[in-house]
Amino acid sequence: MKKKIIAGILLGAIAGGIDITPMIIQRLTWDANISAFCMWIIAGFFIATSTLKINAFLKGVLISFLCLTPSAILISWQEPIALLPIALMTLVLGFLLGKMIEIFTREKQ
């Protein structure tokens, strides 16, 4: 389990770095950047430790969107159109994060 947790956090941090790169280029506020980065670390942890018996891609997307939901409510309250690129990035990174965590934590047989 320790290997899964470490992999989830590290891969989540990589996903977070990918996610915030365009945000930094757009000069978004640091609270938004830090929030997005932390969301991916938390999503990575939850994906890695979840015992859901579903496809790794689907698990990554599902858990990533569940982690995004509270922030999405706040974002959409002020700028609903801003959710489109956020949802797209969450879909892509959640999809990849789920599979990468599965690959890096696969038990040797």
Protein backbone atom coordinates (compact mmCIF):
# COMPACT_ATOMS: atom_id res chain seq x y z
CA MET A 1 0.00 0.00 0.00
CA LYS A 2 2.89 2.38 0.74
CA LYS A 3 4.13 2.03 -2.86
CA LYS A 4 0.66 2.88 -4.15
CA ILE A 5 0.40 5.97 -1.96
CA ILE A 6 3.80 7.27 -3.02
CA ALA A 7 3.07 6.59 -6.70
CA GLY A 8 -0.32 8.28 -6.45
CA ILE A 9 1.10 11.39 -4.82
CA LEU A 10 4.08 11.66 -7.17
CA LEU A 11 2.05 11.04 -10.32
CA GLY A 12 -0.60 13.43 -9.01
CA ALA A 13 2.10 16.08 -8.56
CA ILE A 14 3.20 15.54 -12.18
CA ALA A 15 -0.42 15.89 -13.35
CA GLY A 16 -0.69 19.03 -11.21
CA GLY A 17 2.41 20.48 -12.81
CA ILE A 18 0.99 19.81 -16.26
CA ASP A 19 -2.33 21.36 -15.26
CA ILE A 20 -0.92 24.57 -13.80
CA THR A 21 1.59 25.26 -16.59
CA PRO A 22 -0.99 26.98 -18.83
CA MET A 23 -2.48 28.66 -15.75
CA ILE A 24 0.88 30.21 -14.90
CA ILE A 25 1.34 31.31 -18.52
CA GLN A 26 -2.10 32.98 -18.35
CA ARG A 27 -0.98 34.68 -15.13
CA LEU A 28 -3.85 33.30 -13.09
CA THR A 29 -3.78 33.96 -9.36
CA TRP A 30 -1.56 31.85 -7.15
CA ASP A 31 -4.51 30.66 -5.10
CA ALA A 32 -5.99 29.12 -8.28
CA ASN A 33 -2.64 27.54 -9.20
CA ILE A 34 -2.07 26.10 -5.74
CA SER A 35 -5.66 24.84 -5.56
CA ALA A 36 -5.34 23.04 -8.91
CA PHE A 37 -1.97 21.55 -7.99
CA CYS A 38 -3.29 20.27 -4.64
CA MET A 39 -6.39 18.83 -6.30
CA TRP A 40 -4.20 16.61 -8.49
CA ILE A 41 -2.10 15.40 -5.56
CA ILE A 42 -5.29 14.51 -3.69
CA ALA A 43 -6.81 12.86 -6.78
CA GLY A 44 -3.63 10.81 -7.25
CA PHE A 45 -3.80 9.66 -3.63
CA PHE A 46 -7.47 8.69 -3.91
CA ILE A 47 -7.01 6.91 -7.25
CA ALA A 48 -4.07 4.94 -5.88
CA THR A 49 -5.83 3.90 -2.68
CA SER A 50 -9.32 3.33 -4.08
CA THR A 51 -10.58 -0.24 -4.19
CA LEU A 52 -13.18 0.45 -6.87
CA LYS A 53 -13.25 -2.51 -9.24
CA ILE A 54 -13.55 -0.52 -12.45
CA ASN A 55 -11.32 0.23 -15.43
CA ALA A 56 -8.26 2.31 -14.45
CA PHE A 57 -9.09 5.02 -17.00
CA LEU A 58 -12.64 5.33 -15.69
CA LYS A 59 -11.46 5.31 -12.07
CA GLY A 60 -9.06 8.16 -12.81
CA VAL A 61 -11.72 10.24 -14.54
CA LEU A 62 -14.39 9.55 -11.89
CA ILE A 63 -12.19 10.37 -8.91
CA SER A 64 -10.69 13.43 -10.62
CA PHE A 65 -14.13 14.87 -11.33
CA LEU A 66 -15.27 14.10 -7.77
CA CYS A 67 -12.25 16.04 -6.47
CA LEU A 68 -12.97 18.91 -8.86
CA THR A 69 -16.67 19.25 -7.97
CA PRO A 70 -16.38 21.67 -4.97
CA SER A 71 -14.06 23.99 -6.90
CA ALA A 72 -16.19 23.69 -10.03
CA ILE A 73 -19.18 25.01 -8.11
CA LEU A 74 -17.22 28.08 -7.04
CA ILE A 75 -15.73 28.62 -10.50
CA SER A 76 -19.04 28.24 -12.33
CA TRP A 77 -20.77 30.65 -9.97
CA GLN A 78 -18.64 33.52 -11.35
CA GLU A 79 -17.52 32.25 -14.78
CA PRO A 80 -19.49 29.24 -16.08
CA ILE A 81 -17.66 29.24 -19.43
CA ALA A 82 -14.34 28.77 -17.60
CA LEU A 83 -15.43 25.22 -16.73
CA LEU A 84 -15.04 24.03 -20.32
CA PRO A 85 -11.21 24.00 -20.43
CA ILE A 86 -11.09 22.86 -16.80
CA ALA A 87 -13.39 19.91 -17.54
CA LEU A 88 -11.38 18.99 -20.63
CA MET A 89 -8.08 19.07 -18.69
CA THR A 90 -9.66 17.04 -15.87
CA LEU A 91 -10.92 14.46 -18.35
CA VAL A 92 -7.55 14.06 -20.06
CA LEU A 93 -5.37 14.15 -16.94
CA GLY A 94 -7.76 11.96 -14.93
CA PHE A 95 -7.79 9.42 -17.76
CA LEU A 96 -3.98 9.35 -17.93
CA LEU A 97 -3.44 9.49 -14.17
CA GLY A 98 -5.70 6.48 -13.59
CA LYS A 99 -3.80 4.37 -16.11
CA MET A 100 -0.33 5.54 -15.05
CA ILE A 101 -1.06 4.73 -11.40
CA GLU A 102 -2.25 1.27 -12.45
CA ILE A 103 0.93 0.71 -14.48
CA PHE A 104 3.31 1.92 -11.74
CA THR A 105 1.58 0.01 -8.93
CA ARG A 106 0.83 -3.23 -10.75
CA GLU A 107 1.73 -6.24 -8.66
CA LYS A 108 4.40 -8.49 -10.17
CA GLN A 109 3.12 -12.00 -10.80
